[in-house]
Protein backbone atom coordinates (compact mmCIF):
# COMPACT_ATOMS: atom_id res chain seq x y z
CA UNK A 1 11.96 -19.43 -7.66
CA UNK A 2 11.28 -15.88 -8.63
CA UNK A 3 11.86 -12.37 -7.25
CA UNK A 4 9.24 -10.50 -5.34
CA UNK A 5 9.38 -6.84 -4.57
CA UNK A 6 8.36 -5.47 -1.30
CA UNK A 7 8.20 -2.70 0.93
CA UNK A 8 7.74 -3.31 4.70
CA UNK A 9 7.64 0.11 6.35
CA UNK A 10 5.02 2.77 5.33
CA UNK A 11 2.28 5.10 7.00
CA UNK A 12 -1.23 6.11 6.78
CA UNK A 13 -3.62 8.09 8.48
CA UNK A 14 -3.76 5.81 11.35
CA UNK A 15 -0.68 7.45 12.59
CA UNK A 16 1.04 10.01 10.72
CA UNK A 17 1.02 9.16 7.08
CA UNK A 18 -0.70 11.34 4.31
CA UNK A 19 -2.65 8.90 2.92
CA UNK A 20 -5.79 6.80 3.50
CA UNK A 21 -4.96 3.19 4.08
CA UNK A 22 -6.43 1.94 0.55
CA UNK A 23 -4.68 4.92 -0.87
CA UNK A 24 -1.48 3.86 0.38
CA UNK A 25 -1.68 -0.15 -0.31
CA UNK A 26 -3.10 0.89 -4.03
CA UNK A 27 0.05 2.84 -4.94
CA UNK A 28 2.26 0.09 -4.31
CA UNK A 29 0.06 -2.22 -6.02
CA UNK A 30 -0.09 -0.32 -8.74
CA UNK A 31 3.56 0.58 -8.77
CA UNK A 32 4.57 -3.21 -9.35
CA UNK A 33 5.36 -4.37 -5.58
CA UNK A 34 4.50 -7.89 -5.13
CA UNK A 35 3.82 -7.62 -1.37
CA UNK A 36 3.36 -4.69 1.17
CA UNK A 37 2.75 -3.91 4.87
CA UNK A 38 1.17 -0.64 6.44
CA UNK A 39 3.20 -0.17 9.70
CA UNK A 40 1.93 2.71 11.78
CA UNK A 41 3.15 3.95 14.68
CA UNK A 42 2.06 2.11 17.53
CA UNK A 43 -1.18 1.34 15.98
CA UNK A 44 -2.60 -1.78 14.59
CA UNK A 45 -6.09 -1.13 14.53
CA UNK A 46 -8.92 -3.66 14.42
CA UNK A 47 -11.84 -1.46 14.71
CA UNK A 48 -14.29 -0.97 11.94
CA UNK A 49 -15.49 2.57 13.75
CA UNK A 50 -12.62 4.86 13.32
CA UNK A 51 -12.96 8.00 11.88
CA UNK A 52 -10.78 11.26 10.75
CA UNK A 53 -12.11 14.82 10.57
CA UNK A 54 -11.77 16.93 7.35
CA UNK A 55 -10.13 20.09 7.64
CA UNK A 56 -9.81 23.01 5.18
CA UNK A 57 -6.17 22.06 5.09
CA UNK A 58 -3.63 19.96 6.63
CA UNK A 59 -2.58 20.94 10.34
CA UNK A 60 -0.44 19.28 13.14
CA UNK A 61 1.23 16.43 13.94
CA UNK A 62 -0.21 13.59 13.27
CA UNK A 63 -1.46 15.62 10.42
CA UNK A 64 -5.18 16.22 9.53
CA UNK A 65 -7.04 14.98 6.55
CA UNK A 66 -6.93 18.08 4.26
CA UNK A 67 -9.93 18.70 1.89
CA UNK A 68 -7.86 18.44 -1.04
CA UNK A 69 -6.99 14.96 -0.38
CA UNK A 70 -10.40 13.91 0.91
CA UNK A 71 -11.33 15.24 -2.74
CA UNK A 72 -8.98 12.94 -3.98
CA UNK A 73 -9.96 10.18 -2.16
CA UNK A 74 -13.75 10.26 -3.02
CA UNK A 75 -12.43 10.48 -6.67
CA UNK A 76 -10.08 7.44 -6.90
CA UNK A 77 -12.34 5.52 -4.38
CA UNK A 78 -16.21 5.95 -5.15
CA UNK A 79 -17.02 3.59 -2.20
CA UNK A 80 -15.16 5.15 0.48
CA UNK A 81 -17.06 5.90 3.56
CA UNK A 82 -17.85 9.66 5.01
CA UNK A 83 -20.30 11.22 6.91
CA UNK A 84 -21.81 14.54 8.14
CA UNK A 85 -21.53 14.76 11.77
CA UNK A 86 -21.95 18.20 14.15
CA UNK A 87 -21.28 20.12 10.90
CA UNK A 88 -17.94 18.54 10.18
CA UNK A 89 -17.20 15.78 7.15
CA UNK A 90 -15.89 12.54 8.54
CA UNK A 91 -14.06 9.61 6.61
CA UNK A 92 -13.98 5.92 8.13
CA UNK A 93 -10.21 4.50 8.07
CA UNK A 94 -9.98 0.92 6.65
CA UNK A 95 -8.76 -2.18 8.88
CA UNK A 96 -5.80 -4.27 8.19
CA UNK A 97 -8.41 -6.73 7.66
CA UNK A 98 -10.37 -5.12 5.37
CA UNK A 99 -7.14 -4.33 3.09
CA UNK A 100 -6.20 -7.76 3.04
CA UNK A 101 -9.56 -8.84 2.04
CA UNK A 102 -9.80 -6.15 -0.78
CA UNK A 103 -6.54 -6.28 -2.28
CA UNK A 104 -4.79 -9.53 -1.40
CA UNK A 105 -4.38 -11.73 -4.48
CA UNK A 106 -2.68 -14.91 -3.94
CA UNK A 107 0.40 -15.48 -6.05
CA UNK A 108 0.07 -11.51 -7.38
CA UNK A 109 -0.05 -9.31 -4.46
CA UNK A 110 0.54 -9.83 -0.69
CA UNK A 111 -0.94 -7.49 1.82
CA UNK A 112 0.10 -8.15 5.50
CA UNK A 113 -0.70 -6.30 8.84
CA UNK A 114 2.28 -4.60 10.17
CA UNK A 115 3.31 -1.96 13.16
CA UNK A 116 6.28 0.35 14.07
CA UNK A 117 6.75 0.27 17.53
CA UNK A 118 7.66 3.95 18.41
CA UNK A 119 9.55 4.43 21.33
CA UNK A 120 11.84 6.80 23.37
CA UNK A 121 13.62 6.89 26.77
CA UNK A 122 12.30 9.10 29.46
CA UNK A 123 13.79 12.25 28.77
CA UNK A 124 13.06 12.22 24.91
CA UNK A 125 16.49 11.87 23.96
CA UNK A 126 16.82 8.46 22.06
CA UNK A 127 14.28 6.69 19.98
CA UNK A 128 14.16 2.90 19.10
CA UNK A 129 12.03 2.12 16.25
CA UNK A 130 11.19 -1.66 15.51
CA UNK A 131 8.57 -2.76 12.81
CA UNK A 132 6.95 -6.49 13.14
CA UNK A 133 5.13 -7.77 9.91
CA UNK A 134 2.25 -10.28 9.69
CA UNK A 135 1.31 -10.03 13.45
CA UNK A 136 -2.52 -8.67 13.58
CA UNK A 137 -1.87 -7.15 17.29
CA UNK A 138 -0.37 -4.31 19.18
CA UNK A 139 2.20 -4.28 22.27
CA UNK A 140 1.59 -3.17 25.71
CA UNK A 141 1.83 0.55 25.82
CA UNK A 142 4.45 2.51 27.37
CA UNK A 143 4.56 5.13 30.05
CA UNK A 144 3.29 7.29 27.71
CA UNK A 145 0.72 5.82 25.16
CA UNK A 146 0.41 7.23 22.25
CA UNK A 147 2.16 7.54 18.49
CA UNK A 148 5.53 8.03 20.47
CA UNK A 149 5.66 5.97 23.84
CA UNK A 150 8.07 6.69 26.62
CA UNK A 151 9.95 4.23 28.68
CA UNK A 152 10.68 3.75 32.09
CA UNK A 153 13.73 5.89 33.34
CA UNK A 154 16.92 3.91 33.17
CA UNK A 155 16.06 2.10 29.95
CA UNK A 156 18.87 2.79 27.44
CA UNK A 157 18.45 2.04 23.96
CA UNK A 158 20.09 -1.50 24.20
CA UNK A 159 17.26 -2.69 26.53
CA UNK A 160 14.66 -0.98 24.39
CA UNK A 161 15.34 -3.07 21.58
CA UNK A 162 15.24 -6.08 23.80
CA UNK A 163 12.22 -5.22 25.03
CA UNK A 164 10.88 -4.72 22.21
CA UNK A 165 11.70 -7.85 20.55
CA UNK A 166 10.75 -9.62 23.64
CA UNK A 167 7.03 -8.19 23.56
CA UNK A 168 6.97 -9.15 19.60
CA UNK A 169 8.05 -12.85 20.24
CA UNK A 170 5.47 -13.08 23.32
CA UNK A 171 2.87 -11.07 20.69
CA UNK A 172 3.50 -13.91 18.31
CA UNK A 173 3.31 -16.82 20.75
CA UNK A 174 -0.17 -15.74 22.06
CA UNK A 175 -1.24 -15.34 18.58
CA UNK A 176 -0.05 -19.09 17.81
CA UNK A 177 3.40 -18.24 16.27
CA UNK A 178 2.23 -17.53 12.71
CA UNK A 179 5.00 -16.80 10.11
CA UNK A 180 6.60 -13.09 11.25
CA UNK A 181 9.42 -10.91 10.53
CA UNK A 182 10.80 -7.72 12.63
CA UNK A 183 13.56 -5.35 11.97
CA UNK A 184 14.93 -2.37 13.66
CA UNK A 185 14.26 0.87 11.90
CA UNK A 186 16.52 3.75 10.91
CA UNK A 187 19.29 3.24 13.55
CA UNK A 188 20.62 6.90 13.35
CA UNK A 189 17.17 8.55 13.44
CA UNK A 190 16.71 10.77 14.87
CA UNK A 191 19.77 12.32 16.13
CA UNK A 192 22.62 8.96 16.26
CA UNK A 193 20.18 7.13 18.36
CA UNK A 194 21.48 3.75 18.09
CA UNK A 195 24.98 2.58 17.70
CA UNK A 196 26.99 -0.72 16.60
CA UNK A 197 27.18 -1.81 20.41
CA UNK A 198 23.14 -1.79 20.55
CA UNK A 199 23.19 -4.76 17.83
CA UNK A 200 26.10 -6.31 19.24
CA UNK A 201 24.14 -6.78 22.29
CA UNK A 202 21.23 -7.95 20.92
CA UNK A 203 21.99 -10.59 18.89
CA UNK A 204 18.37 -11.65 18.50
CA UNK A 205 17.75 -9.07 15.90
CA UNK A 206 18.45 -10.41 12.42
CA UNK A 207 17.28 -7.71 10.17
CA UNK A 208 17.64 -3.71 10.23
CA UNK A 209 17.42 -1.10 7.63
CA UNK A 210 20.33 -0.41 5.76
CA UNK A 211 18.32 2.30 3.75
CA UNK A 212 15.42 4.39 4.24
CA UNK A 213 13.68 6.57 2.19
CA UNK A 214 11.41 8.32 4.28
CA UNK A 215 12.64 9.42 7.51
CA UNK A 216 14.40 12.93 8.41
CA UNK A 217 18.30 12.34 9.50
CA UNK A 218 20.55 14.26 11.69
CA UNK A 219 23.27 16.28 9.96
CA UNK A 220 26.22 14.18 9.37
CA UNK A 221 28.73 16.39 11.80
CA UNK A 222 32.36 14.72 11.52
CA UNK A 223 31.09 11.43 10.09
CA UNK A 224 32.40 10.34 6.43
CA UNK A 225 29.70 12.17 4.19
CA UNK A 226 29.07 9.60 1.85
CA UNK A 227 25.63 8.19 2.95
CA UNK A 228 27.02 4.83 3.88
CA UNK A 229 27.59 5.13 8.01
CA UNK A 230 24.89 2.45 8.37
CA UNK A 231 27.23 -0.03 6.24
CA UNK A 232 29.86 0.69 8.62
CA UNK A 233 27.49 -0.10 11.63
CA UNK A 234 26.60 -3.15 9.79
CA UNK A 235 30.35 -4.38 9.54
CA UNK A 236 31.10 -3.59 13.06
CA UNK A 237 28.10 -5.76 14.59
CA UNK A 238 28.82 -8.78 11.56
CA UNK A 239 32.73 -8.64 12.81
CA UNK A 240 31.50 -9.33 16.25
CA UNK A 241 28.83 -11.73 15.59
CA UNK A 242 31.02 -13.87 13.48
CA UNK A 243 33.69 -13.92 15.79
CA UNK A 244 31.76 -15.62 18.22
CA UNK A 245 29.39 -17.60 15.98
CA UNK A 246 26.05 -15.71 16.13
CA UNK A 247 23.78 -15.21 13.34
CA UNK A 248 24.73 -12.59 11.12
CA UNK A 249 22.67 -9.28 10.84
CA UNK A 250 20.83 -8.95 7.51
CA UNK A 251 19.54 -5.70 5.76
CA UNK A 252 16.21 -4.39 4.65
CA UNK A 253 15.53 -1.30 2.61
CA UNK A 254 12.09 0.48 2.74
CA UNK A 255 10.19 3.55 1.78
CA UNK A 256 8.97 4.79 5.33
CA UNK A 257 6.59 6.42 2.91
CA UNK A 258 4.42 9.29 4.25
CA UNK A 259 3.22 11.12 0.97
CA UNK A 260 1.71 9.01 -1.79
CA UNK A 261 1.05 9.57 -5.56
CA UNK A 262 -2.52 9.33 -4.67
CA UNK A 263 -2.35 12.63 -3.01
CA UNK A 264 -0.81 14.08 -5.73
CA UNK A 265 1.77 15.69 -3.14
CA UNK A 266 4.23 18.24 -3.90
CA UNK A 267 6.58 16.61 -1.38
CA UNK A 268 9.95 16.05 -2.82
CA UNK A 269 10.68 12.40 -1.54
CA UNK A 270 10.17 9.95 -4.28
CA UNK A 271 7.59 7.07 -3.85
CA UNK A 272 9.02 3.38 -4.21
CA UNK A 273 12.79 4.28 -4.42
CA UNK A 274 13.80 1.98 -1.34
CA UNK A 275 12.92 -1.60 -1.43
CA UNK A 276 13.66 -5.22 -0.45
CA UNK A 277 13.94 -7.93 -3.24
CA UNK A 278 13.32 -11.40 -2.18
CA UNK A 279 13.86 -14.67 -4.16
CA UNK A 280 11.25 -17.54 -3.18
CA UNK A 281 9.24 -20.01 -4.35
CA UNK A 282 5.89 -18.37 -3.39
CA UNK A 283 4.24 -14.99 -2.48
CA UNK A 284 2.98 -16.27 1.03
CA UNK A 285 4.34 -15.03 4.47
CA UNK A 286 6.15 -18.01 5.27
CA UNK A 287 8.03 -18.61 2.11
CA UNK A 288 9.07 -15.16 1.80
CA UNK A 289 10.30 -14.81 5.48
CA UNK A 290 12.07 -18.18 4.94
CA UNK A 291 14.12 -16.71 2.27
CA UNK A 292 14.89 -13.67 4.21
CA UNK A 293 16.23 -15.64 7.24
CA UNK A 294 18.52 -17.92 4.51
CA UNK A 295 19.52 -14.17 3.02
CA UNK A 296 17.82 -15.09 -0.31
CA UNK A 297 17.41 -11.56 -0.68
CA UNK A 298 19.00 -8.14 -1.03
CA UNK A 299 18.25 -4.44 -0.20
CA UNK A 300 18.01 -1.62 -2.58
CA UNK A 301 17.67 1.96 -3.42
CA UNK A 302 17.46 1.85 -7.16
CA UNK A 303 19.74 -0.60 -8.43
CA UNK A 304 18.38 -4.11 -9.40
CA UNK A 305 20.23 -7.29 -9.82
CA UNK A 306 19.78 -10.28 -12.33
CA UNK A 307 21.02 -12.90 -10.07
CA UNK A 308 22.89 -13.48 -6.78
CA UNK A 309 24.07 -16.86 -5.48
CA UNK A 310 26.41 -18.35 -2.77
CA UNK A 311 27.41 -21.68 -2.70
CA UNK A 312 29.35 -21.81 0.77
CA UNK A 313 32.48 -20.51 -0.40
CA UNK A 314 31.83 -18.13 -3.58
CA UNK A 315 29.49 -15.32 -4.07
CA UNK A 316 28.45 -14.51 -7.54
CA UNK A 317 26.49 -11.09 -8.80
CA UNK A 318 25.01 -10.64 -11.74
CA UNK A 319 23.85 -6.85 -12.67
CA UNK A 320 22.15 -6.25 -16.03
CA UNK A 321 22.75 -3.59 -18.27
CA UNK A 322 21.30 -0.29 -18.05
CA UNK A 323 21.64 2.40 -20.62
CA UNK A 324 24.03 5.10 -19.70
CA UNK A 325 24.65 3.83 -16.02
CA UNK A 326 27.70 2.25 -15.05
CA UNK A 327 27.71 -0.22 -12.05
CA UNK A 328 30.66 -1.45 -9.53
CA UNK A 329 30.18 -4.47 -7.69
CA UNK A 330 32.52 -4.23 -4.32
CA UNK A 331 33.15 -7.39 -2.44
CA UNK A 332 33.56 -6.48 1.59
CA UNK A 333 34.82 -8.84 4.40
CA UNK A 334 36.65 -8.81 7.47
CA UNK A 335 39.72 -10.99 8.30
CA UNK A 336 39.51 -13.08 11.41
CA UNK A 337 42.47 -11.12 12.95
CA UNK A 338 41.12 -7.83 12.50
CA UNK A 339 41.03 -5.30 15.08
CA UNK A 340 37.41 -5.30 16.48
CA UNK A 341 37.86 -2.35 18.53
CA UNK A 342 36.80 1.15 18.75
CA UNK A 343 39.60 3.07 17.54
CA UNK A 344 38.54 6.54 18.13
CA UNK A 345 35.14 8.42 18.54
CA UNK A 346 33.63 11.30 16.94
CA UNK A 347 31.73 14.10 19.10
CA UNK A 348 28.58 15.47 17.45
CA UNK A 349 27.20 18.60 19.10
CA UNK A 350 24.12 19.09 20.67
CA UNK A 351 21.52 21.02 18.60
CA UNK A 352 17.93 22.63 19.60
CA UNK A 353 14.62 21.46 19.65
CA UNK A 354 12.66 23.74 21.60
CA UNK A 355 9.66 21.55 22.01
CA UNK A 356 11.40 18.65 23.45
CA UNK A 357 14.64 20.15 25.33
CA UNK A 358 17.33 19.83 22.52
CA UNK A 359 19.26 16.96 21.49
CA UNK A 360 22.39 16.16 23.61
CA UNK A 361 26.19 15.82 22.02
CA UNK A 362 26.86 12.53 20.89
CA UNK A 363 29.93 10.26 21.05
CA UNK A 364 29.47 7.96 18.04
CA UNK A 365 32.36 5.37 17.83
CA UNK A 366 34.10 4.48 15.02
CA UNK A 367 35.79 1.10 14.28
CA UNK A 368 38.92 0.05 12.84
CA UNK A 369 39.27 0.33 8.73
CA UNK A 370 40.08 -3.36 8.97
CA UNK A 371 36.12 -3.93 9.61
CA UNK A 372 34.37 -4.01 6.54
CA UNK A 373 37.19 -3.71 4.10
CA UNK A 374 37.11 -4.03 0.17
CA UNK A 375 38.55 -6.99 -1.25
CA UNK A 376 37.77 -6.71 -4.64
CA UNK A 377 36.25 -4.65 -6.95
CA UNK A 378 34.54 -5.50 -10.19
CA UNK A 379 33.89 -2.27 -12.46
CA UNK A 380 32.14 -2.57 -15.40
CA UNK A 381 31.77 0.09 -18.66
CA UNK A 382 28.76 2.34 -19.11
CA UNK A 383 25.63 0.97 -20.48
CA UNK A 384 26.87 -2.95 -20.05
CA UNK A 385 26.16 -5.80 -17.62
CA UNK A 386 28.61 -6.64 -14.55
CA UNK A 387 29.49 -10.07 -13.64
CA UNK A 388 31.66 -10.67 -10.65
CA UNK A 389 32.33 -13.25 -7.95
CA UNK A 390 34.55 -13.48 -4.55
CA UNK A 391 35.73 -16.73 -2.88
CA UNK A 392 35.82 -16.66 0.75
CA UNK A 393 39.62 -17.07 1.71
CA UNK A 394 40.24 -18.81 4.94
CA UNK A 395 40.69 -15.90 6.85
CA UNK A 396 37.41 -13.84 5.86
CA UNK A 397 34.92 -14.08 8.48
CA UNK A 398 31.98 -13.50 6.05
CA UNK A 399 31.58 -11.79 2.45
CA UNK A 400 28.94 -9.32 1.25
CA UNK A 401 28.65 -7.33 -1.98
CA UNK A 402 27.62 -3.52 -2.56
CA UNK A 403 26.50 -2.91 -5.82
CA UNK A 404 27.16 0.85 -6.81
CA UNK A 405 26.02 2.82 -9.95
CA UNK A 406 26.81 6.08 -11.00
CA UNK A 407 23.41 7.20 -11.17
CA UNK A 408 22.34 9.68 -8.74
CA UNK A 409 19.97 8.47 -6.46
CA UNK A 410 16.28 9.58 -7.11
CA UNK A 411 16.04 10.93 -3.45
CA UNK A 412 19.05 13.19 -4.43
CA UNK A 413 17.29 13.66 -7.85
CA UNK A 414 14.47 15.08 -6.24
CA UNK A 415 16.11 17.64 -4.47
CA UNK A 416 16.30 16.22 -1.14
CA UNK A 417 19.65 16.37 0.95
CA UNK A 418 20.18 13.84 3.79
CA UNK A 419 23.91 12.66 4.43
CA UNK A 420 22.88 9.54 5.75
CA UNK A 421 21.23 8.42 2.86
CA UNK A 422 22.95 6.93 -0.28
CA UNK A 423 24.25 9.66 -2.75
CA UNK A 424 23.61 6.86 -5.90
CA UNK A 425 21.30 4.07 -6.97
CA UNK A 426 22.71 0.87 -4.63
CA UNK A 427 22.00 -2.63 -3.57
CA UNK A 428 23.09 -4.67 -0.86
CA UNK A 429 23.61 -8.27 -0.71
CA UNK A 430 23.25 -10.01 2.39
CA UNK A 431 26.62 -11.14 4.19
CA UNK A 432 27.32 -14.76 3.76
CA UNK A 433 29.68 -17.09 5.97
CA UNK A 434 31.72 -20.28 4.83
CA UNK A 435 29.43 -23.12 4.67
CA UNK A 436 26.26 -20.81 4.02
CA UNK A 437 24.27 -21.89 0.70
CA UNK A 438 22.03 -19.70 -1.25
């Protein structure tokens, strides 16, 4: 058993990323990642005859290929395929199958196909994004095919999630049910679009992004300005699921990268900060996904664990020492008699978006503070390792741990501001209920 580091959400010139597919994959490999999947918006192209025109400067959305990046690409990939046609330079995009053939190294680096289902309601007011991994195919287009698909009028976000998951499982069945994984992306992008009830009503969803390093996020409004509103959503969902005996919701973290080291961009978002660590016996999709389903994984935006274990009652966490940094392990649970109701709502005002008709005011539910309460803190001294454990009480529905450092997250150190992103480097274990064993 060993830890494998992975990213399962990133983009290329197949959709709106600012890198060629092989630039993106090689950057993750060279950065020490063990597995990776490109997840372009509603795209998982198999054809080998897809070309992009080179422009003097990057323009539009999805972005055009700039001459600057084309020059970087030719320098880094001498075998890149390009041509002159009708007075313009064109470059061929590599397919997922070609990327796998070129970069996949058994036991050392795993490349998988992926796709980000990118949909919105008929009025372009609420988005639902769901990634699926290791399925070599695309889903049926919505009413408005393209990088953003419009859904039929009357489909709210809860139904969009349900339909997206159903279509993923149908696609998997048509392909012979290969090992695969799906997760809901950045629930609060673009303007508080998903809420806890969407996950409570979709118990088949097993994973969501607790941290996303690449998406723009809405203003925090009147919500707690600590980057941890996703945590509150997570506990509300799991408190409801645990009460009725449903599988708990697990978390992943991803870069959602659009800008890469290979392109030498000056864009401030750091590369490789948000990732998922999986403890498994082998670097293969079936073994990795089985481990993730069991909860033998954790999400991170910079903090690393030496070990974590759950024996059915006690969760143990080991955090290695890091020079000049102190760590706190926070154990979080919800009691069986907790108030699971919405205690109040927060009204977030509308914002203008002239090209899409603006964003409407939102009403965001806030649940009882009894949900996701801290039951134990283990604080370490600066520069020292931390060993901590918590044993489930008889009235605990589950336990999870959040590892918090006092080191500013690279996202903020690079000059970004986004209230829905944690301010410091963190890690999140999965939630565990009595009887589980990890």
